[in-house]
Amino acid sequence: MNKYRILGSEAALVNGEPLPVGGLEQPENVNRLAFAILNKEVGFDGAMRYSGGFRAGILTRCPQGNEISSDEIQEWYNFVRDPSKDLPGLLRTRRFLNPPVTG
């Protein structure tokens, strides 16, 4: 199981190692971070289709220093693909169902 420590909107560690995010023509940003994490966990096709939702639904709710596991990512991914089937699994990670805490 991978553990991702969110270091801000542009960087993360996976199991203590930096996660490659940016490319030669694209600088690191929150969209690239979302894509990089999903690509590692669910593959290219899933990352292409769901990275925007992952960014909006998960990364915006992870304060700097927060950790998210590959199991939690998989539960979220299964839920967005088929909500009625995977709601019980997602409820284990209900912290992502609540709005982000500000201030």
PDB file of N, CA and C in Angstrom:
ATOM      1  N   MET A   1       0.849  -1.177   0.000  1.00  0.00           N
ATOM      2  CA  MET A   1       0.000   0.000   0.000  1.00  0.00           C
ATOM      3  C   MET A   1       0.894   1.239   0.000  1.00  0.00           C
ATOM      4  N   ASN A   2       0.576   2.171  -0.870  1.00  0.00           N
ATOM      5  CA  ASN A   2       1.303   3.435  -0.937  1.00  0.00           C
ATOM      6  C   ASN A   2       0.669   4.452  -0.004  1.00  0.00           C
ATOM      7  N   LYS A   3       1.509   5.306   0.566  1.00  0.00           N
ATOM      8  CA  LYS A   3       1.062   6.437   1.385  1.00  0.00           C
ATOM      9  C   LYS A   3       1.562   7.706   0.720  1.00  0.00           C
ATOM     10  N   TYR A   4       0.641   8.622   0.485  1.00  0.00           N
ATOM     11  CA  TYR A   4       0.971   9.898  -0.132  1.00  0.00           C
ATOM     12  C   TYR A   4       0.879  10.998   0.918  1.00  0.00           C
ATOM     13  N   ARG A   5       1.971  11.728   1.110  1.00  0.00           N
ATOM     14  CA  ARG A   5       1.962  12.896   1.995  1.00  0.00           C
ATOM     15  C   ARG A   5       1.895  14.119   1.095  1.00  0.00           C
ATOM     16  N   ILE A   6       0.821  14.888   1.230  1.00  0.00           N
ATOM     17  CA  ILE A   6       0.610  16.064   0.406  1.00  0.00           C
ATOM     18  C   ILE A   6       1.471  17.202   0.961  1.00  0.00           C
ATOM     19  N   LEU A   7       2.323  17.765   0.100  1.00  0.00           N
ATOM     20  CA  LEU A   7       3.243  18.812   0.530  1.00  0.00           C
ATOM     21  C   LEU A   7       2.795  20.202   0.059  1.00  0.00           C
ATOM     22  N   GLY A   8       1.616  20.300  -0.422  1.00  0.00           N
ATOM     23  CA  GLY A   8       1.093  21.551  -0.961  1.00  0.00           C
ATOM     24  C   GLY A   8       0.361  21.247  -2.249  1.00  0.00           C
ATOM     25  N   SER A   9       0.092  22.279  -3.018  1.00  0.00           N
ATOM     26  CA  SER A   9      -0.701  22.077  -4.229  1.00  0.00           C
ATOM     27  C   SER A   9       0.113  21.568  -5.406  1.00  0.00           C
ATOM     28  N   GLU A  10       1.428  21.428  -5.233  1.00  0.00           N
ATOM     29  CA  GLU A  10       2.262  21.032  -6.362  1.00  0.00           C
ATOM     30  C   GLU A  10       3.155  19.827  -6.108  1.00  0.00           C
ATOM     31  N   ALA A  11       3.175  19.316  -4.893  1.00  0.00           N
ATOM     32  CA  ALA A  11       4.136  18.253  -4.600  1.00  0.00           C
ATOM     33  C   ALA A  11       3.583  17.275  -3.567  1.00  0.00           C
ATOM     34  N   ALA A  12       4.097  16.048  -3.638  1.00  0.00           N
ATOM     35  CA  ALA A  12       3.731  15.009  -2.674  1.00  0.00           C
ATOM     36  C   ALA A  12       4.882  14.022  -2.568  1.00  0.00           C
ATOM     37  N   LEU A  13       4.910  13.334  -1.449  1.00  0.00           N
ATOM     38  CA  LEU A  13       5.824  12.212  -1.265  1.00  0.00           C
ATOM     39  C   LEU A  13       5.011  10.941  -1.339  1.00  0.00           C
ATOM     40  N   VAL A  14       5.558   9.933  -1.981  1.00  0.00           N
ATOM     41  CA  VAL A  14       4.926   8.626  -1.972  1.00  0.00           C
ATOM     42  C   VAL A  14       5.893   7.684  -1.259  1.00  0.00           C
ATOM     43  N   ASN A  15       5.457   7.161  -0.140  1.00  0.00           N
ATOM     44  CA  ASN A  15       6.291   6.301   0.703  1.00  0.00           C
ATOM     45  C   ASN A  15       7.626   6.964   1.026  1.00  0.00           C
ATOM     46  N   GLY A  16       7.585   8.280   1.259  1.00  0.00           N
ATOM     47  CA  GLY A  16       8.774   9.025   1.645  1.00  0.00           C
ATOM     48  C   GLY A  16       9.638   9.524   0.504  1.00  0.00           C
ATOM     49  N   GLU A  17       9.312   9.158  -0.723  1.00  0.00           N
ATOM     50  CA  GLU A  17      10.086   9.576  -1.901  1.00  0.00           C
ATOM     51  C   GLU A  17       9.287  10.607  -2.700  1.00  0.00           C
ATOM     52  N   PRO A  18       9.976  11.591  -3.302  1.00  0.00           N
ATOM     53  CA  PRO A  18       9.250  12.584  -4.110  1.00  0.00           C
ATOM     54  C   PRO A  18       8.504  11.930  -5.276  1.00  0.00           C
ATOM     55  N   LEU A  19       7.275  12.360  -5.493  1.00  0.00           N
ATOM     56  CA  LEU A  19       6.468  11.883  -6.610  1.00  0.00           C
ATOM     57  C   LEU A  19       6.740  12.795  -7.803  1.00  0.00           C
ATOM     58  N   PRO A  20       7.235  12.250  -8.926  1.00  0.00           N
ATOM     59  CA  PRO A  20       7.439  13.095 -10.105  1.00  0.00           C
ATOM     60  C   PRO A  20       6.105  13.647 -10.593  1.00  0.00           C
ATOM     61  N   VAL A  21       6.029  14.966 -10.758  1.00  0.00           N
ATOM     62  CA  VAL A  21       4.762  15.600 -11.110  1.00  0.00           C
ATOM     63  C   VAL A  21       4.849  16.341 -12.427  1.00  0.00           C
ATOM     64  N   GLY A  22       5.797  17.257 -12.571  1.00  0.00           N
ATOM     65  CA  GLY A  22       5.893  18.097 -13.761  1.00  0.00           C
ATOM     66  C   GLY A  22       6.549  17.370 -14.917  1.00  0.00           C
ATOM     67  N   GLY A  23       6.411  17.952 -16.075  1.00  0.00           N
ATOM     68  CA  GLY A  23       7.065  17.438 -17.268  1.00  0.00           C
ATOM     69  C   GLY A  23       7.935  18.514 -17.871  1.00  0.00           C
ATOM     70  N   LEU A  24       8.540  18.212 -19.004  1.00  0.00           N
ATOM     71  CA  LEU A  24       9.407  19.184 -19.644  1.00  0.00           C
ATOM     72  C   LEU A  24       8.651  20.432 -20.070  1.00  0.00           C
ATOM     73  N   GLU A  25       7.436  20.254 -20.562  1.00  0.00           N
ATOM     74  CA  GLU A  25       6.676  21.392 -21.054  1.00  0.00           C
ATOM     75  C   GLU A  25       5.585  21.843 -20.092  1.00  0.00           C
ATOM     76  N   GLN A  26       5.340  21.086 -19.049  1.00  0.00           N
ATOM     77  CA  GLN A  26       4.290  21.441 -18.106  1.00  0.00           C
ATOM     78  C   GLN A  26       4.884  21.546 -16.708  1.00  0.00           C
ATOM     79  N   PRO A  27       4.800  22.712 -16.102  1.00  0.00           N
ATOM     80  CA  PRO A  27       5.329  22.860 -14.740  1.00  0.00           C
ATOM     81  C   PRO A  27       4.455  22.117 -13.740  1.00  0.00           C
ATOM     82  N   GLU A  28       5.012  21.913 -12.572  1.00  0.00           N
ATOM     83  CA  GLU A  28       4.245  21.273 -11.509  1.00  0.00           C
ATOM     84  C   GLU A  28       3.098  22.174 -11.100  1.00  0.00           C
ATOM     85  N   ASN A  29       1.925  21.597 -10.934  1.00  0.00           N
ATOM     86  CA  ASN A  29       0.762  22.320 -10.430  1.00  0.00           C
ATOM     87  C   ASN A  29      -0.221  21.295  -9.877  1.00  0.00           C
ATOM     88  N   VAL A  30      -1.303  21.767  -9.299  1.00  0.00           N
ATOM     89  CA  VAL A  30      -2.243  20.859  -8.639  1.00  0.00           C
ATOM     90  C   VAL A  30      -2.885  19.889  -9.630  1.00  0.00           C
ATOM     91  N   ASN A  31      -3.093  20.307 -10.865  1.00  0.00           N
ATOM     92  CA  ASN A  31      -3.671  19.401 -11.856  1.00  0.00           C
ATOM     93  C   ASN A  31      -2.704  18.270 -12.190  1.00  0.00           C
ATOM     94  N   ARG A  32      -1.435  18.600 -12.338  1.00  0.00           N
ATOM     95  CA  ARG A  32      -0.421  17.572 -12.614  1.00  0.00           C
ATOM     96  C   ARG A  32      -0.253  16.644 -11.414  1.00  0.00           C
ATOM     97  N   LEU A  33      -0.353  17.197 -10.201  1.00  0.00           N
ATOM     98  CA  LEU A  33      -0.255  16.374  -8.994  1.00  0.00           C
ATOM     99  C   LEU A  33      -1.397  15.365  -8.947  1.00  0.00           C
ATOM    100  N   ALA A  34      -2.607  15.820  -9.206  1.00  0.00           N
ATOM    101  CA  ALA A  34      -3.762  14.913  -9.213  1.00  0.00           C
ATOM    102  C   ALA A  34      -3.573  13.819 -10.257  1.00  0.00           C
ATOM    103  N   PHE A  35      -3.124  14.202 -11.444  1.00  0.00           N
ATOM    104  CA  PHE A  35      -2.903  13.218 -12.496  1.00  0.00           C
ATOM    105  C   PHE A  35      -1.819  12.218 -12.097  1.00  0.00           C
ATOM    106  N   ALA A  36      -0.712  12.695 -11.537  1.00  0.00           N
ATOM    107  CA  ALA A  36       0.403  11.813 -11.161  1.00  0.00           C
ATOM    108  C   ALA A  36      -0.020  10.782 -10.117  1.00  0.00           C
ATOM    109  N   ILE A  37      -0.781  11.222  -9.124  1.00  0.00           N
ATOM    110  CA  ILE A  37      -1.228  10.290  -8.077  1.00  0.00           C
ATOM    111  C   ILE A  37      -2.183   9.257  -8.662  1.00  0.00           C
ATOM    112  N   LEU A  38      -3.175   9.706  -9.415  1.00  0.00           N
ATOM    113  CA  LEU A  38      -4.131   8.748  -9.988  1.00  0.00           C
ATOM    114  C   LEU A  38      -3.459   7.822 -10.999  1.00  0.00           C
ATOM    115  N   ASN A  39      -2.553   8.350 -11.787  1.00  0.00           N
ATOM    116  CA  ASN A  39      -1.852   7.510 -12.764  1.00  0.00           C
ATOM    117  C   ASN A  39      -1.111   6.379 -12.068  1.00  0.00           C
ATOM    118  N   LYS A  40      -0.498   6.684 -10.952  1.00  0.00           N
ATOM    119  CA  LYS A  40       0.240   5.664 -10.197  1.00  0.00           C
ATOM    120  C   LYS A  40      -0.702   4.621  -9.598  1.00  0.00           C
ATOM    121  N   GLU A  41      -1.883   5.044  -9.169  1.00  0.00           N
ATOM    122  CA  GLU A  41      -2.792   4.143  -8.457  1.00  0.00           C
ATOM    123  C   GLU A  41      -3.794   3.423  -9.352  1.00  0.00           C
ATOM    124  N   VAL A  42      -4.340   4.096 -10.369  1.00  0.00           N
ATOM    125  CA  VAL A  42      -5.399   3.473 -11.162  1.00  0.00           C
ATOM    126  C   VAL A  42      -5.073   3.390 -12.647  1.00  0.00           C
ATOM    127  N   GLY A  43      -3.938   3.913 -13.047  1.00  0.00           N
ATOM    128  CA  GLY A  43      -3.526   3.828 -14.441  1.00  0.00           C
ATOM    129  C   GLY A  43      -3.851   5.078 -15.243  1.00  0.00           C
ATOM    130  N   PHE A  44      -3.321   5.108 -16.451  1.00  0.00           N
ATOM    131  CA  PHE A  44      -3.409   6.275 -17.318  1.00  0.00           C
ATOM    132  C   PHE A  44      -4.851   6.633 -17.670  1.00  0.00           C
ATOM    133  N   ASP A  45      -5.644   5.650 -18.082  1.00  0.00           N
ATOM    134  CA  ASP A  45      -7.018   5.937 -18.503  1.00  0.00           C
ATOM    135  C   ASP A  45      -7.845   6.530 -17.364  1.00  0.00           C
ATOM    136  N   GLY A  46      -7.739   5.945 -16.181  1.00  0.00           N
ATOM    137  CA  GLY A  46      -8.463   6.480 -15.026  1.00  0.00           C
ATOM    138  C   GLY A  46      -7.984   7.869 -14.647  1.00  0.00           C
ATOM    139  N   ALA A  47      -6.683   8.091 -14.745  1.00  0.00           N
ATOM    140  CA  ALA A  47      -6.137   9.411 -14.428  1.00  0.00           C
ATOM    141  C   ALA A  47      -6.623  10.453 -15.425  1.00  0.00           C
ATOM    142  N   MET A  48      -6.653  10.090 -16.703  1.00  0.00           N
ATOM    143  CA  MET A  48      -7.137  11.029 -17.719  1.00  0.00           C
ATOM    144  C   MET A  48      -8.595  11.407 -17.464  1.00  0.00           C
ATOM    145  N   ARG A  49      -9.390  10.448 -17.100  1.00  0.00           N
ATOM    146  CA  ARG A  49     -10.828  10.694 -16.953  1.00  0.00           C
ATOM    147  C   ARG A  49     -11.197  11.365 -15.636  1.00  0.00           C
ATOM    148  N   TYR A  50     -10.512  11.024 -14.551  1.00  0.00           N
ATOM    149  CA  TYR A  50     -10.967  11.440 -13.230  1.00  0.00           C
ATOM    150  C   TYR A  50     -10.032  12.377 -12.471  1.00  0.00           C
ATOM    151  N   SER A  51      -8.917  12.808 -13.060  1.00  0.00           N
ATOM    152  CA  SER A  51      -7.988  13.637 -12.297  1.00  0.00           C
ATOM    153  C   SER A  51      -8.586  14.984 -11.901  1.00  0.00           C
ATOM    154  N   GLY A  52      -9.462  15.552 -12.726  1.00  0.00           N
ATOM    155  CA  GLY A  52     -10.124  16.809 -12.351  1.00  0.00           C
ATOM    156  C   GLY A  52     -11.008  16.641 -11.129  1.00  0.00           C
ATOM    157  N   GLY A  53     -11.757  15.564 -11.102  1.00  0.00           N
ATOM    158  CA  GLY A  53     -12.600  15.282  -9.941  1.00  0.00           C
ATOM    159  C   GLY A  53     -11.790  14.948  -8.703  1.00  0.00           C
ATOM    160  N   PHE A  54     -10.672  14.260  -8.902  1.00  0.00           N
ATOM    161  CA  PHE A  54      -9.788  13.932  -7.783  1.00  0.00           C
ATOM    162  C   PHE A  54      -9.189  15.211  -7.198  1.00  0.00           C
ATOM    163  N   ARG A  55      -8.770  16.109  -8.076  1.00  0.00           N
ATOM    164  CA  ARG A  55      -8.227  17.387  -7.617  1.00  0.00           C
ATOM    165  C   ARG A  55      -9.279  18.140  -6.813  1.00  0.00           C
ATOM    166  N   ALA A  56     -10.471  18.280  -7.383  1.00  0.00           N
ATOM    167  CA  ALA A  56     -11.521  19.063  -6.731  1.00  0.00           C
ATOM    168  C   ALA A  56     -12.076  18.384  -5.481  1.00  0.00           C
ATOM    169  N   GLY A  57     -12.233  17.075  -5.535  1.00  0.00           N
ATOM    170  CA  GLY A  57     -12.881  16.369  -4.438  1.00  0.00           C
ATOM    171  C   GLY A  57     -11.965  15.897  -3.339  1.00  0.00           C
ATOM    172  N   ILE A  58     -10.709  15.684  -3.656  1.00  0.00           N
ATOM    173  CA  ILE A  58      -9.788  15.119  -2.665  1.00  0.00           C
ATOM    174  C   ILE A  58      -8.649  16.080  -2.334  1.00  0.00           C
ATOM    175  N   LEU A  59      -7.871  16.481  -3.325  1.00  0.00           N
ATOM    176  CA  LEU A  59      -6.680  17.287  -3.038  1.00  0.00           C
ATOM    177  C   LEU A  59      -7.013  18.625  -2.405  1.00  0.00           C
ATOM    178  N   THR A  60      -8.134  19.235  -2.765  1.00  0.00           N
ATOM    179  CA  THR A  60      -8.499  20.508  -2.145  1.00  0.00           C
ATOM    180  C   THR A  60      -8.886  20.335  -0.681  1.00  0.00           C
ATOM    181  N   ARG A  61      -9.133  19.100  -0.264  1.00  0.00           N
ATOM    182  CA  ARG A  61      -9.513  18.823   1.126  1.00  0.00           C
ATOM    183  C   ARG A  61      -8.368  18.255   1.946  1.00  0.00           C
ATOM    184  N   CYS A  62      -7.214  18.108   1.337  1.00  0.00           N
ATOM    185  CA  CYS A  62      -6.048  17.581   2.046  1.00  0.00           C
ATOM    186  C   CYS A  62      -5.132  18.735   2.433  1.00  0.00           C
ATOM    187  N   PRO A  63      -5.110  19.110   3.687  1.00  0.00           N
ATOM    188  CA  PRO A  63      -4.183  20.169   4.081  1.00  0.00           C
ATOM    189  C   PRO A  63      -2.741  19.699   3.935  1.00  0.00           C
ATOM    190  N   GLN A  64      -1.848  20.653   3.827  1.00  0.00           N
ATOM    191  CA  GLN A  64      -0.430  20.321   3.695  1.00  0.00           C
ATOM    192  C   GLN A  64       0.000  19.440   4.852  1.00  0.00           C
ATOM    193  N   GLY A  65       0.720  18.365   4.531  1.00  0.00           N
ATOM    194  CA  GLY A  65       1.181  17.414   5.527  1.00  0.00           C
ATOM    195  C   GLY A  65       0.236  16.243   5.732  1.00  0.00           C
ATOM    196  N   ASN A  66      -0.975  16.324   5.185  1.00  0.00           N
ATOM    197  CA  ASN A  66      -1.949  15.245   5.321  1.00  0.00           C
ATOM    198  C   ASN A  66      -1.503  14.029   4.504  1.00  0.00           C
ATOM    199  N   GLU A  67      -1.857  12.857   4.964  1.00  0.00           N
ATOM    200  CA  GLU A  67      -1.556  11.629   4.223  1.00  0.00           C
ATOM    201  C   GLU A  67      -2.840  11.010   3.705  1.00  0.00           C
ATOM    202  N   ILE A  68      -2.725  10.410   2.536  1.00  0.00           N
ATOM    203  CA  ILE A  68      -3.826   9.659   1.937  1.00  0.00           C
ATOM    204  C   ILE A  68      -3.234   8.341   1.434  1.00  0.00           C
ATOM    205  N   SER A  69      -3.942   7.262   1.651  1.00  0.00           N
ATOM    206  CA  SER A  69      -3.417   5.946   1.279  1.00  0.00           C
ATOM    207  C   SER A  69      -3.945   5.521  -0.088  1.00  0.00           C
ATOM    208  N   SER A  70      -3.249   4.559  -0.664  1.00  0.00           N
ATOM    209  CA  SER A  70      -3.708   4.011  -1.942  1.00  0.00           C
ATOM    210  C   SER A  70      -5.079   3.351  -1.781  1.00  0.00           C
ATOM    211  N   ASP A  71      -5.369   2.786  -0.605  1.00  0.00           N
ATOM    212  CA  ASP A  71      -6.690   2.199  -0.360  1.00  0.00           C
ATOM    213  C   ASP A  71      -7.777   3.268  -0.418  1.00  0.00           C
ATOM    214  N   GLU A  72      -7.517   4.419   0.183  1.00  0.00           N
ATOM    215  CA  GLU A  72      -8.492   5.505   0.148  1.00  0.00           C
ATOM    216  C   GLU A  72      -8.690   6.023  -1.275  1.00  0.00           C
ATOM    217  N   ILE A  73      -7.614   6.103  -2.026  1.00  0.00           N
ATOM    218  CA  ILE A  73      -7.702   6.549  -3.415  1.00  0.00           C
ATOM    219  C   ILE A  73      -8.530   5.548  -4.221  1.00  0.00           C
ATOM    220  N   GLN A  74      -8.282   4.269  -4.008  1.00  0.00           N
ATOM    221  CA  GLN A  74      -9.032   3.237  -4.731  1.00  0.00           C
ATOM    222  C   GLN A  74     -10.507   3.266  -4.362  1.00  0.00           C
ATOM    223  N   GLU A  75     -10.822   3.478  -3.076  1.00  0.00           N
ATOM    224  CA  GLU A  75     -12.215   3.572  -2.657  1.00  0.00           C
ATOM    225  C   GLU A  75     -12.902   4.761  -3.332  1.00  0.00           C
ATOM    226  N   TRP A  76     -12.220   5.898  -3.382  1.00  0.00           N
ATOM    227  CA  TRP A  76     -12.787   7.070  -4.058  1.00  0.00           C
ATOM    228  C   TRP A  76     -13.011   6.775  -5.537  1.00  0.00           C
ATOM    229  N   TYR A  77     -12.013   6.175  -6.173  1.00  0.00           N
ATOM    230  CA  TYR A  77     -12.083   5.864  -7.602  1.00  0.00           C
ATOM    231  C   TYR A  77     -13.239   4.907  -7.899  1.00  0.00           C
ATOM    232  N   ASN A  78     -13.386   3.878  -7.100  1.00  0.00           N
ATOM    233  CA  ASN A  78     -14.498   2.945  -7.291  1.00  0.00           C
ATOM    234  C   ASN A  78     -15.836   3.640  -7.118  1.00  0.00           C
ATOM    235  N   PHE A  79     -15.904   4.555  -6.143  1.00  0.00           N
ATOM    236  CA  PHE A  79     -17.150   5.272  -5.892  1.00  0.00           C
ATOM    237  C   PHE A  79     -17.527   6.170  -7.071  1.00  0.00           C
ATOM    238  N   VAL A  80     -16.585   6.923  -7.613  1.00  0.00           N
ATOM    239  CA  VAL A  80     -16.940   7.830  -8.706  1.00  0.00           C
ATOM    240  C   VAL A  80     -17.310   7.062  -9.967  1.00  0.00           C
ATOM    241  N   ARG A  81     -16.795   5.862 -10.119  1.00  0.00           N
ATOM    242  CA  ARG A  81     -17.161   5.051 -11.286  1.00  0.00           C
ATOM    243  C   ARG A  81     -18.528   4.409 -11.115  1.00  0.00           C
ATOM    244  N   ASP A  82     -18.898   4.016  -9.891  1.00  0.00           N
ATOM    245  CA  ASP A  82     -20.190   3.364  -9.646  1.00  0.00           C
ATOM    246  C   ASP A  82     -20.650   3.684  -8.221  1.00  0.00           C
ATOM    247  N   PRO A  83     -21.262   4.857  -8.011  1.00  0.00           N
ATOM    248  CA  PRO A  83     -21.599   5.304  -6.654  1.00  0.00           C
ATOM    249  C   PRO A  83     -22.481   4.354  -5.865  1.00  0.00           C
ATOM    250  N   SER A  84     -23.462   3.739  -6.482  1.00  0.00           N
ATOM    251  CA  SER A  84     -24.385   2.899  -5.721  1.00  0.00           C
ATOM    252  C   SER A  84     -23.712   1.640  -5.200  1.00  0.00           C
ATOM    253  N   LYS A  85     -22.724   1.150  -5.910  1.00  0.00           N
ATOM    254  CA  LYS A  85     -22.055  -0.092  -5.525  1.00  0.00           C
ATOM    255  C   LYS A  85     -21.035   0.126  -4.412  1.00  0.00           C
ATOM    256  N   ASP A  86     -20.335   1.249  -4.436  1.00  0.00           N
ATOM    257  CA  ASP A  86     -19.191   1.422  -3.545  1.00  0.00           C
ATOM    258  C   ASP A  86     -19.384   2.441  -2.436  1.00  0.00           C
ATOM    259  N   LEU A  87     -20.598   2.890  -2.180  1.00  0.00           N
ATOM    260  CA  LEU A  87     -20.810   3.838  -1.096  1.00  0.00           C
ATOM    261  C   LEU A  87     -20.360   3.297   0.260  1.00  0.00           C
ATOM    262  N   PRO A  88     -20.653   2.045   0.620  1.00  0.00           N
ATOM    263  CA  PRO A  88     -20.194   1.571   1.936  1.00  0.00           C
ATOM    264  C   PRO A  88     -18.680   1.661   2.098  1.00  0.00           C
ATOM    265  N   GLY A  89     -17.925   1.369   1.063  1.00  0.00           N
ATOM    266  CA  GLY A  89     -16.471   1.482   1.157  1.00  0.00           C
ATOM    267  C   GLY A  89     -16.031   2.912   1.337  1.00  0.00           C
ATOM    268  N   LEU A  90     -16.680   3.844   0.640  1.00  0.00           N
ATOM    269  CA  LEU A  90     -16.301   5.242   0.741  1.00  0.00           C
ATOM    270  C   LEU A  90     -16.615   5.808   2.113  1.00  0.00           C
ATOM    271  N   LEU A  91     -17.621   5.283   2.770  1.00  0.00           N
ATOM    272  CA  LEU A  91     -17.967   5.797   4.093  1.00  0.00           C
ATOM    273  C   LEU A  91     -16.842   5.580   5.098  1.00  0.00           C
ATOM    274  N   ARG A  92     -15.960   4.622   4.837  1.00  0.00           N
ATOM    275  CA  ARG A  92     -14.801   4.443   5.710  1.00  0.00           C
ATOM    276  C   ARG A  92     -13.869   5.643   5.609  1.00  0.00           C
ATOM    277  N   THR A  93     -13.918   6.332   4.488  1.00  0.00           N
ATOM    278  CA  THR A  93     -13.069   7.506   4.296  1.00  0.00           C
ATOM    279  C   THR A  93     -13.939   8.756   4.185  1.00  0.00           C
ATOM    280  N   ARG A  94     -14.926   8.852   5.051  1.00  0.00           N
ATOM    281  CA  ARG A  94     -15.907   9.932   4.973  1.00  0.00           C
ATOM    282  C   ARG A  94     -15.292  11.314   5.154  1.00  0.00           C
ATOM    283  N   ARG A  95     -14.051  11.403   5.570  1.00  0.00           N
ATOM    284  CA  ARG A  95     -13.443  12.724   5.709  1.00  0.00           C
ATOM    285  C   ARG A  95     -13.431  13.454   4.379  1.00  0.00           C
ATOM    286  N   PHE A  96     -13.517  12.718   3.267  1.00  0.00           N
ATOM    287  CA  PHE A  96     -13.514  13.346   1.962  1.00  0.00           C
ATOM    288  C   PHE A  96     -14.910  13.749   1.498  1.00  0.00           C
ATOM    289  N   LEU A  97     -15.941  13.374   2.258  1.00  0.00           N
ATOM    290  CA  LEU A  97     -17.296  13.770   1.909  1.00  0.00           C
ATOM    291  C   LEU A  97     -17.659  15.125   2.503  1.00  0.00           C
ATOM    292  N   ASN A  98     -16.906  15.554   3.516  1.00  0.00           N
ATOM    293  CA  ASN A  98     -17.188  16.814   4.179  1.00  0.00           C
ATOM    294  C   ASN A  98     -16.480  17.955   3.467  1.00  0.00           C
ATOM    295  N   PRO A  99     -17.053  19.171   3.509  1.00  0.00           N
ATOM    296  CA  PRO A  99     -16.378  20.298   2.894  1.00  0.00           C
ATOM    297  C   PRO A  99     -15.062  20.599   3.585  1.00  0.00           C
ATOM    298  N   PRO A 100     -14.112  21.188   2.868  1.00  0.00           N
ATOM    299  CA  PRO A 100     -12.817  21.501   3.496  1.00  0.00           C
ATOM    300  C   PRO A 100     -12.984  22.507   4.627  1.00  0.00           C
ATOM    301  N   VAL A 101     -12.175  22.359   5.645  1.00  0.00           N
ATOM    302  CA  VAL A 101     -12.195  23.268   6.774  1.00  0.00           C
ATOM    303  C   VAL A 101     -11.278  24.436   6.453  1.00  0.00           C
ATOM    304  N   THR A 102     -11.777  25.632   6.607  1.00  0.00           N
ATOM    305  CA  THR A 102     -10.965  26.807   6.336  1.00  0.00           C
ATOM    306  C   THR A 102     -10.796  27.619   7.594  1.00  0.00           C
ATOM    307  N   GLY A 103      -9.730  28.386   7.611  1.00  0.00           N
ATOM    308  CA  GLY A 103      -9.509  29.337   8.694  1.00  0.00           C
ATOM    309  C   GLY A 103      -8.941  28.761   9.876  1.00  0.00           C
TER     310      GLY A 103
END
